[in-house]
C-alpha atoms as a PDB file:
ATOM      1  CA  MET A   1     -35.645  46.202  34.370  1.00  0.00           C
ATOM      2  CA  GLY A   2     -35.993  43.158  36.455  1.00  0.00           C
ATOM      3  CA  ASP A   3     -36.005  39.425  35.398  1.00  0.00           C
ATOM      4  CA  LEU A   4     -39.550  38.858  35.834  1.00  0.00           C
ATOM      5  CA  GLU A   5     -40.306  41.581  33.160  1.00  0.00           C
ATOM      6  CA  ASN A   6     -37.220  40.171  30.842  1.00  0.00           C
ATOM      7  CA  ASN A   7     -38.832  36.844  31.029  1.00  0.00           C
ATOM      8  CA  LYS A   8     -42.251  38.106  30.111  1.00  0.00           C
ATOM      9  CA  LYS A   9     -40.766  39.754  27.263  1.00  0.00           C
ATOM     10  CA  LEU A  10     -38.877  36.675  25.927  1.00  0.00           C
ATOM     11  CA  VAL A  11     -42.011  34.793  25.783  1.00  0.00           C
ATOM     12  CA  MET A  12     -43.977  37.241  24.420  1.00  0.00           C
ATOM     13  CA  ARG A  13     -41.298  37.416  21.450  1.00  0.00           C
ATOM     14  CA  HIS A  14     -42.150  33.616  21.018  1.00  0.00           C
ATOM     15  CA  PHE A  15     -45.831  34.469  20.649  1.00  0.00           C
ATOM     16  CA  LEU A  16     -45.604  37.748  18.525  1.00  0.00           C
ATOM     17  CA  GLU A  17     -42.597  37.263  16.473  1.00  0.00           C
ATOM     18  CA  ALA A  18     -41.646  33.570  16.195  1.00  0.00           C
ATOM     19  CA  VAL A  19     -45.406  31.991  15.929  1.00  0.00           C
ATOM     20  CA  GLY A  20     -47.511  35.080  15.095  1.00  0.00           C
ATOM     21  CA  GLN A  21     -45.249  36.311  12.282  1.00  0.00           C
ATOM     22  CA  LYS A  22     -43.996  32.838  11.241  1.00  0.00           C
ATOM     23  CA  LYS A  23     -40.390  33.772  11.897  1.00  0.00           C
ATOM     24  CA  PRO A  24     -38.795  30.369  13.415  1.00  0.00           C
ATOM     25  CA  ASP A  25     -35.203  32.172  13.240  1.00  0.00           C
ATOM     26  CA  VAL A  26     -36.313  34.230  16.252  1.00  0.00           C
ATOM     27  CA  TRP A  27     -36.115  30.800  18.093  1.00  0.00           C
ATOM     28  CA  LEU A  28     -32.292  30.491  17.739  1.00  0.00           C
ATOM     29  CA  THR A  29     -31.934  33.665  19.935  1.00  0.00           C
ATOM     30  CA  ILE A  30     -34.320  33.048  22.511  1.00  0.00           C
ATOM     31  CA  MET A  31     -34.909  29.337  22.714  1.00  0.00           C
ATOM     32  CA  HIS A  32     -32.569  26.849  24.228  1.00  0.00           C
ATOM     33  CA  PRO A  33     -31.003  24.433  21.834  1.00  0.00           C
ATOM     34  CA  ASP A  34     -32.208  21.501  24.432  1.00  0.00           C
ATOM     35  CA  TYR A  35     -35.750  23.001  24.700  1.00  0.00           C
ATOM     36  CA  VAL A  36     -38.247  20.587  25.732  1.00  0.00           C
ATOM     37  CA  MET A  37     -41.882  20.814  24.902  1.00  0.00           C
ATOM     38  CA  HIS A  38     -43.919  18.763  27.209  1.00  0.00           C
ATOM     39  CA  HIS A  39     -46.588  17.625  24.833  1.00  0.00           C
ATOM     40  CA  PRO A  40     -47.124  14.299  22.844  1.00  0.00           C
ATOM     41  CA  TRP A  41     -46.890  15.810  19.593  1.00  0.00           C
ATOM     42  CA  VAL A  42     -43.191  17.343  19.925  1.00  0.00           C
ATOM     43  CA  LYS A  43     -40.026  15.370  20.363  1.00  0.00           C
ATOM     44  CA  PRO A  44     -37.607  17.031  22.600  1.00  0.00           C
ATOM     45  CA  GLY A  45     -34.942  19.785  21.317  1.00  0.00           C
ATOM     46  CA  ARG A  46     -35.399  23.018  19.509  1.00  0.00           C
ATOM     47  CA  GLU A  47     -35.108  21.643  16.127  1.00  0.00           C
ATOM     48  CA  SER A  48     -37.685  18.994  16.717  1.00  0.00           C
ATOM     49  CA  TYR A  49     -39.992  22.019  18.065  1.00  0.00           C
ATOM     50  CA  MET A  50     -39.128  24.066  14.903  1.00  0.00           C
ATOM     51  CA  ALA A  51     -39.969  20.996  12.472  1.00  0.00           C
ATOM     52  CA  SER A  52     -43.456  20.276  14.146  1.00  0.00           C
ATOM     53  CA  SER A  53     -44.341  24.261  14.232  1.00  0.00           C
ATOM     54  CA  SER A  54     -43.395  24.414  10.499  1.00  0.00           C
ATOM     55  CA  LYS A  55     -45.974  21.544   9.381  1.00  0.00           C
ATOM     56  CA  TYR A  56     -48.588  23.390  11.652  1.00  0.00           C
ATOM     57  CA  TRP A  57     -47.840  26.582  10.014  1.00  0.00           C
ATOM     58  CA  ALA A  58     -48.188  25.258   6.422  1.00  0.00           C
ATOM     59  CA  ALA A  59     -51.806  24.620   7.381  1.00  0.00           C
ATOM     60  CA  ILE A  60     -52.702  27.986   9.166  1.00  0.00           C
ATOM     61  CA  SER A  61     -52.840  31.412   8.316  1.00  0.00           C
ATOM     62  CA  ALA A  62     -50.552  33.729  10.663  1.00  0.00           C
ATOM     63  CA  PRO A  63     -52.195  33.360  14.048  1.00  0.00           C
ATOM     64  CA  GLU A  64     -53.338  36.445  16.020  1.00  0.00           C
ATOM     65  CA  TYR A  65     -53.205  36.350  19.668  1.00  0.00           C
ATOM     66  CA  GLU A  66     -55.407  37.759  22.527  1.00  0.00           C
ATOM     67  CA  PHE A  67     -53.487  37.733  25.932  1.00  0.00           C
ATOM     68  CA  LEU A  68     -55.815  37.351  28.770  1.00  0.00           C
ATOM     69  CA  HIS A  69     -53.316  36.732  31.192  1.00  0.00           C
ATOM     70  CA  ILE A  70     -49.367  36.944  31.613  1.00  0.00           C
ATOM     71  CA  LEU A  71     -47.881  35.979  34.802  1.00  0.00           C
ATOM     72  CA  SER A  72     -44.338  35.752  35.959  1.00  0.00           C
ATOM     73  CA  GLU A  73     -42.756  34.363  39.007  1.00  0.00           C
ATOM     74  CA  GLY A  74     -39.316  33.225  39.434  1.00  0.00           C
ATOM     75  CA  ASP A  75     -37.912  31.562  36.433  1.00  0.00           C
ATOM     76  CA  LEU A  76     -41.654  30.745  35.223  1.00  0.00           C
ATOM     77  CA  VAL A  77     -43.709  32.815  32.774  1.00  0.00           C
ATOM     78  CA  MET A  78     -47.611  31.733  32.311  1.00  0.00           C
ATOM     79  CA  VAL A  79     -49.703  33.038  29.310  1.00  0.00           C
ATOM     80  CA  HIS A  80     -53.436  32.483  29.116  1.00  0.00           C
ATOM     81  CA  TYR A  81     -54.539  33.429  25.355  1.00  0.00           C
ATOM     82  CA  VAL A  82     -56.856  33.004  22.478  1.00  0.00           C
ATOM     83  CA  GLU A  83     -55.447  32.113  19.272  1.00  0.00           C
ATOM     84  CA  ARG A  84     -57.480  32.872  16.096  1.00  0.00           C
ATOM     85  CA  ALA A  85     -56.510  31.846  12.256  1.00  0.00           C
ATOM     86  CA  ALA A  86     -57.751  30.046   9.502  1.00  0.00           C
ATOM     87  CA  LEU A  87     -57.156  26.838   7.789  1.00  0.00           C
ATOM     88  CA  ILE A  88     -55.264  27.472   4.552  1.00  0.00           C
ATOM     89  CA  GLY A  89     -53.592  24.137   4.061  1.00  0.00           C
ATOM     90  CA  PRO A  90     -54.303  20.604   4.796  1.00  0.00           C
ATOM     91  CA  LEU A  91     -54.396  19.359   8.354  1.00  0.00           C
ATOM     92  CA  PHE A  92     -55.089  15.973   9.650  1.00  0.00           C
ATOM     93  CA  GLY A  93     -56.831  14.611   6.602  1.00  0.00           C
ATOM     94  CA  VAL A  94     -58.993  17.668   6.047  1.00  0.00           C
ATOM     95  CA  ASN A  95     -58.275  20.036   3.254  1.00  0.00           C
ATOM     96  CA  ALA A  96     -57.629  23.841   3.016  1.00  0.00           C
ATOM     97  CA  SER A  97     -61.269  25.418   3.501  1.00  0.00           C
ATOM     98  CA  GLY A  98     -60.507  28.930   4.791  1.00  0.00           C
ATOM     99  CA  LYS A  99     -62.619  28.171   7.804  1.00  0.00           C
ATOM    100  CA  SER A 100     -61.494  30.436  10.932  1.00  0.00           C
ATOM    101  CA  TYR A 101     -60.950  29.058  14.290  1.00  0.00           C
ATOM    102  CA  GLU A 102     -60.467  30.327  17.758  1.00  0.00           C
ATOM    103  CA  LYS A 103     -58.781  28.162  20.441  1.00  0.00           C
ATOM    104  CA  SER A 104     -57.947  29.215  23.885  1.00  0.00           C
ATOM    105  CA  GLY A 105     -54.998  28.083  25.745  1.00  0.00           C
ATOM    106  CA  PHE A 106     -52.563  28.359  28.724  1.00  0.00           C
ATOM    107  CA  ALA A 107     -48.681  27.860  28.489  1.00  0.00           C
ATOM    108  CA  LEU A 108     -46.017  27.838  30.924  1.00  0.00           C
ATOM    109  CA  TYR A 109     -42.521  28.334  30.191  1.00  0.00           C
ATOM    110  CA  ARG A 110     -39.387  27.925  32.252  1.00  0.00           C
ATOM    111  CA  ILE A 111     -36.440  30.556  31.465  1.00  0.00           C
ATOM    112  CA  GLU A 112     -33.068  29.470  31.887  1.00  0.00           C
ATOM    113  CA  ASP A 113     -29.868  31.883  31.500  1.00  0.00           C
ATOM    114  CA  GLY A 114     -32.058  34.154  29.535  1.00  0.00           C
ATOM    115  CA  LEU A 115     -33.494  31.596  27.118  1.00  0.00           C
ATOM    116  CA  ILE A 116     -36.708  29.478  27.021  1.00  0.00           C
ATOM    117  CA  ARG A 117     -35.875  26.114  28.377  1.00  0.00           C
ATOM    118  CA  GLU A 118     -38.907  24.397  28.707  1.00  0.00           C
ATOM    119  CA  GLY A 119     -42.609  24.735  27.845  1.00  0.00           C
ATOM    120  CA  TRP A 120     -46.143  23.146  28.797  1.00  0.00           C
ATOM    121  CA  ASN A 121     -49.138  23.906  27.115  1.00  0.00           C
ATOM    122  CA  GLN A 122     -52.866  23.074  27.411  1.00  0.00           C
ATOM    123  CA  GLU A 123     -55.240  24.125  24.755  1.00  0.00           C
ATOM    124  CA  ASP A 124     -58.640  23.434  23.515  1.00  0.00           C
ATOM    125  CA  ASP A 125     -57.777  20.927  20.706  1.00  0.00           C
ATOM    126  CA  ALA A 126     -61.175  18.968  20.612  1.00  0.00           C
ATOM    127  CA  GLY A 127     -62.894  22.638  20.122  1.00  0.00           C
ATOM    128  CA  PHE A 128     -60.202  23.420  17.251  1.00  0.00           C
ATOM    129  CA  MET A 129     -60.701  20.335  15.488  1.00  0.00           C
ATOM    130  CA  LYS A 130     -64.599  20.483  15.770  1.00  0.00           C
ATOM    131  CA  GLN A 131     -64.506  24.044  14.130  1.00  0.00           C
ATOM    132  CA  LEU A 132     -62.367  23.103  11.283  1.00  0.00           C
ATOM    133  CA  GLY A 133     -64.306  19.635  10.769  1.00  0.00           C
ATOM    134  CA  ILE A 134     -61.577  17.460  11.761  1.00  0.00           C
ATOM    135  CA  VAL A 135     -63.233  14.301  13.234  1.00  0.00           C
ATOM    136  CA  GLU A 136     -60.186  12.068  13.143  1.00  0.00           C
ATOM    137  CA  TYR A 137     -56.469  12.450  13.433  1.00  0.00           C
ATOM    138  CA  VAL A 138     -53.131  10.320  13.963  1.00  0.00           C
ATOM    139  CA  LEU A 139     -50.376  11.773  15.925  1.00  0.00           C
END
């Protein structure tokens, strides 16, 4: 199997195992220790990413994903997806409501030496927050 297919499988493990099953230990095997998520809510480093994710996970049910596109070129993998879950804990000042949400997103990952080294993502955060009744939030 070529690197492109291996890279896609690595990223799918991120979505389906680490995130979808809320198993952060998976990141210890697929994510570089110096991982950088280029997002204002996450500081550099795998540990920081894991800590940020655990806060988010405490507020939502296990997410399900619909993958619309998965593309790989060179050391990059791009995923276009829809995430679905429900609010089961407090988030940005809103109490658990059980409300379901659906948010679309794009994520781009750079693979280095068989590990996820960098990530960029863009999601419909405004739509997500509107669906859950979150009108104000502090980063």
